Protein backbone atom coordinates (compact mmCIF):
# COMPACT_ATOMS: atom_id res chain seq x y z
CA PRO A 1 63.49 61.74 73.14
CA VAL A 2 62.97 58.36 74.73
CA PRO A 3 65.98 57.16 76.74
CA LYS A 4 67.72 54.05 75.73
CA PRO A 5 67.43 51.14 77.97
CA LEU A 6 70.37 50.47 80.50
CA GLU A 7 72.58 47.60 79.50
CA VAL A 8 72.73 44.79 81.95
CA MET A 9 75.17 41.76 82.35
CA LEU A 10 74.30 38.81 84.30
CA THR A 11 77.01 37.14 86.27
CA ILE A 12 77.95 33.41 85.67
CA PRO A 13 79.19 32.03 88.85
CA TYR A 14 82.45 30.08 88.50
CA PRO A 15 81.82 26.42 87.98
CA SER A 16 84.55 25.09 90.25
CA ALA A 17 85.65 21.43 89.65
CA GLN A 18 86.03 21.26 93.43
CA GLN A 19 82.23 21.37 93.68
CA THR A 20 81.09 17.65 93.79
CA ASP A 21 77.53 18.19 94.84
CA PHE A 22 76.28 21.02 92.71
CA GLY A 23 72.70 19.84 92.39
CA ASP A 24 70.72 18.10 89.61
CA VAL A 25 70.76 20.12 86.37
CA ASP A 26 69.56 17.49 84.00
CA GLY A 27 66.65 15.90 85.89
CA ASP A 28 68.14 12.50 86.31
CA GLY A 29 67.87 12.84 90.14
CA VAL A 30 71.52 12.81 90.55
CA SER A 31 73.54 15.91 91.92
CA GLU A 32 76.24 16.75 89.48
CA ASP A 33 79.88 16.29 90.37
CA LEU A 34 81.69 19.14 88.57
CA SER A 35 85.02 17.38 88.85
CA LEU A 36 83.80 14.94 86.15
CA PRO A 37 84.21 15.66 82.39
CA GLY A 38 81.47 17.66 80.83
CA THR A 39 79.67 18.56 84.04
CA ARG A 40 81.06 22.04 84.40
CA GLU A 41 79.74 22.90 80.91
CA ALA A 42 76.46 21.31 81.80
CA ALA A 43 76.24 23.35 84.99
CA VAL A 44 76.99 26.59 83.06
CA ALA A 45 74.44 25.73 80.39
CA TRP A 46 71.80 24.99 83.12
CA TYR A 47 72.58 28.30 84.84
CA VAL A 48 72.51 30.41 81.62
CA ASP A 49 69.16 28.89 80.57
CA ARG A 50 67.59 29.51 83.98
CA ALA A 51 68.99 33.02 84.01
CA LEU A 52 67.48 33.82 80.54
CA GLU A 53 64.19 32.31 81.58
CA GLN A 54 63.92 34.53 84.61
CA TRP A 55 65.15 37.62 82.48
CA GLU A 56 62.36 36.94 79.89
CA ARG A 57 59.78 36.96 82.72
CA LEU A 58 61.12 40.25 84.09
CA ASP A 59 59.00 43.18 82.86
CA ALA A 60 61.70 45.84 82.64
CA PRO A 61 61.47 47.91 79.44
CA ASP A 62 64.19 50.16 80.72
CA LEU A 63 66.69 47.44 80.88
CA HIS A 64 68.44 45.57 77.88
CA LEU A 65 70.37 42.29 78.46
CA TRP A 66 73.89 42.92 76.96
CA GLY A 67 75.16 39.54 77.86
CA PHE A 68 77.02 37.62 80.62
CA TYR A 69 80.03 38.23 82.81
CA TRP A 70 82.51 35.56 83.62
CA THR A 71 83.42 36.14 87.30
CA ARG A 72 86.63 34.15 87.77
CA GLU A 73 89.39 36.80 87.25
CA GLY A 74 92.19 34.31 86.53
CA ILE A 75 92.36 31.35 84.20
CA THR A 76 93.40 27.90 85.39
CA ASP A 77 94.57 25.09 83.17
CA ALA A 78 91.16 23.57 83.42
CA ASP A 79 89.12 26.56 82.43
CA PRO A 80 89.90 27.18 78.63
CA GLU A 81 87.35 24.39 77.36
CA VAL A 82 84.71 25.47 79.79
CA ILE A 83 85.19 29.17 78.95
CA ARG A 84 84.94 28.43 75.17
CA HIS A 85 81.86 26.34 75.76
CA THR A 86 80.23 29.08 77.74
CA ALA A 87 81.14 31.72 75.04
CA ALA A 88 79.60 29.45 72.31
CA LEU A 89 76.51 28.91 74.46
CA VAL A 90 76.07 32.56 75.11
CA HIS A 91 76.57 33.52 71.49
CA GLU A 92 74.10 30.96 70.29
CA ARG A 93 71.50 32.65 72.55
CA GLY A 94 72.40 36.07 70.94
CA TYR A 95 74.41 37.67 73.80
CA ARG A 96 78.02 38.41 74.55
CA LEU A 97 80.56 37.43 77.29
CA LEU A 98 82.63 39.89 79.28
CA TRP A 99 85.65 39.16 81.42
CA ILE A 100 87.47 41.48 83.92
CA PRO A 101 90.82 39.82 84.94
CA TRP A 102 92.95 41.41 87.66
CA PHE A 103 96.38 43.02 86.67
CA ARG A 104 98.36 40.40 84.84
CA ALA A 105 96.00 37.64 85.95
CA PRO A 106 96.74 34.11 84.60
CA GLY A 107 95.45 33.95 80.99
CA PHE A 108 94.63 37.69 80.70
CA GLU A 109 96.72 37.88 77.36
CA ARG A 110 94.68 35.04 75.94
CA TRP A 111 91.28 36.71 76.33
CA ALA A 112 90.33 36.89 72.65
CA ASP A 113 91.53 33.31 72.10
CA LEU A 114 89.06 32.23 74.81
CA ASP A 115 86.19 33.73 72.88
CA PHE A 116 85.41 36.52 75.24
CA ASP A 117 83.74 39.44 73.41
CA VAL A 118 85.10 42.15 75.76
CA ALA A 119 87.84 42.06 78.42
CA ILE A 120 88.58 44.90 80.79
CA LEU A 121 91.97 44.81 82.60
CA GLN A 122 92.06 45.80 86.23
CA PRO A 123 94.96 48.03 87.44
CA ASN A 124 94.55 46.93 91.04
CA TYR A 125 96.01 50.37 91.93
CA ALA A 126 93.21 52.15 93.76
CA PHE A 127 93.13 49.91 96.89
CA LEU A 128 95.55 51.71 98.99
CA PRO A 129 94.89 49.89 102.26
CA GLN A 130 95.58 46.49 100.56
CA HIS A 131 98.84 47.34 98.78
CA LEU A 132 99.91 50.04 101.29
CA GLY A 133 101.50 52.05 98.51
CA LYS A 134 103.78 49.27 97.41
CA VAL A 135 102.39 49.28 93.86
CA ARG A 136 104.56 51.37 91.47
CA ASN A 137 103.18 54.77 90.41
CA ASP A 138 103.43 53.69 86.70
CA ARG A 139 100.97 50.83 87.30
CA LEU A 140 98.23 52.83 85.50
CA VAL A 141 100.45 53.51 82.54
CA GLU A 142 101.54 49.86 82.30
CA THR A 143 97.95 48.74 82.55
CA ALA A 144 96.75 51.08 79.80
CA THR A 145 99.75 50.05 77.60
CA LEU A 146 99.06 46.28 78.11
CA ALA A 147 95.24 46.82 77.57
CA ARG A 148 95.73 48.78 74.41
CA GLY A 149 98.19 46.27 72.99
CA LEU A 150 95.78 43.46 73.69
CA GLY A 151 92.50 45.21 72.55
CA MET A 152 91.33 45.48 76.14
CA GLY A 153 89.67 48.06 78.08
CA VAL A 154 90.87 49.38 81.50
CA GLU A 155 88.77 49.25 84.59
CA MET A 156 88.48 52.51 86.56
CA GLU A 157 88.69 51.55 90.24
CA ILE A 158 87.62 53.17 93.42
CA SER A 159 88.06 51.85 96.94
CA TYR A 160 85.22 50.17 98.53
CA GLY A 161 83.14 51.81 101.36
CA PRO A 162 82.07 55.42 101.89
CA GLU A 163 84.88 56.11 104.45
CA ARG A 164 87.41 55.32 101.83
CA ARG A 165 85.66 57.17 99.08
CA SER A 166 85.62 60.35 101.06
CA SER A 167 89.31 60.25 101.91
CA PRO A 168 91.51 62.72 99.90
CA ALA A 169 94.11 59.97 99.20
CA THR A 170 91.42 57.77 97.66
CA ARG A 171 90.00 60.58 95.55
CA SER A 172 93.47 61.43 94.36
CA VAL A 173 94.18 57.88 93.28
CA PHE A 174 90.95 57.77 91.37
CA ARG A 175 91.61 61.13 89.63
CA ARG A 176 95.24 60.29 88.64
CA PRO A 177 94.34 58.55 85.35
CA PHE A 178 92.15 61.46 84.19
CA ALA A 179 95.01 63.88 84.84
CA HIS A 180 97.89 62.01 83.31
CA PRO A 181 98.36 62.66 79.64
CA ARG A 182 100.41 59.61 79.02
CA ILE A 183 97.75 57.29 80.59
CA LEU A 184 94.92 58.82 78.60
CA SER A 185 96.88 58.79 75.28
CA VAL A 186 97.48 55.02 75.79
CA ALA A 187 94.09 54.16 77.19
CA VAL A 188 91.94 55.92 74.68
CA PRO A 189 91.84 54.18 71.25
CA ALA A 190 93.27 56.18 68.30
C-alpha cells in the first residue's frame, strides 16, 4: 500500500498591534502599522497568501497541507476579530485553523466561538525545571476534564533538550498520563 502523505500545519506568526512598521503588504509603498484598524487582518491575509504560494511551489507529494496554526497561546481583548477573520480566510482557501492554548490561557474556553477548527489544551505539567514541582499532581486529570468538557484535545508534553528527556523524572512525568486510568478515561472520547 502507498503510505498516506504526512499532514502539515503552517504557523501564522502573531500579528501584534505593537508592530508599527510591519512592511508593505498591499503594494502602496507604505509599511503597515498594525495598531491601525484592519491592518492586522491585512497582514494575516498577506502572510497566508504568501505561505500558500510557497506551498504550491513545493514539490512534496509525501506532504499534505492540513491547515494553519495560530501561535499566540492566549487571547487578548483585541484578538477575537482578527482570529475570526483569520479563520474565515483560512476556511475560504479550503484549510483549517488549529490553536494550542496553555493551561487555562485567557480565552481557552472560547476556542469554538472564535472559529478555530481544533484546539488542544496544554497541561503545562511536564516542565519540571520551570514549575519545580509546584504544579498539583491532579493537573493532568484537570486538563483532561476541561478539554473533554470543551471538545478540545490534550497536548502530550515532554521537556525540551536531550539532557532532560533522558532523565528518569522527565520520563516518569511523560508516562504518567498513559498509566493513570482516570486521565485516560477522561481524555479519550467515549
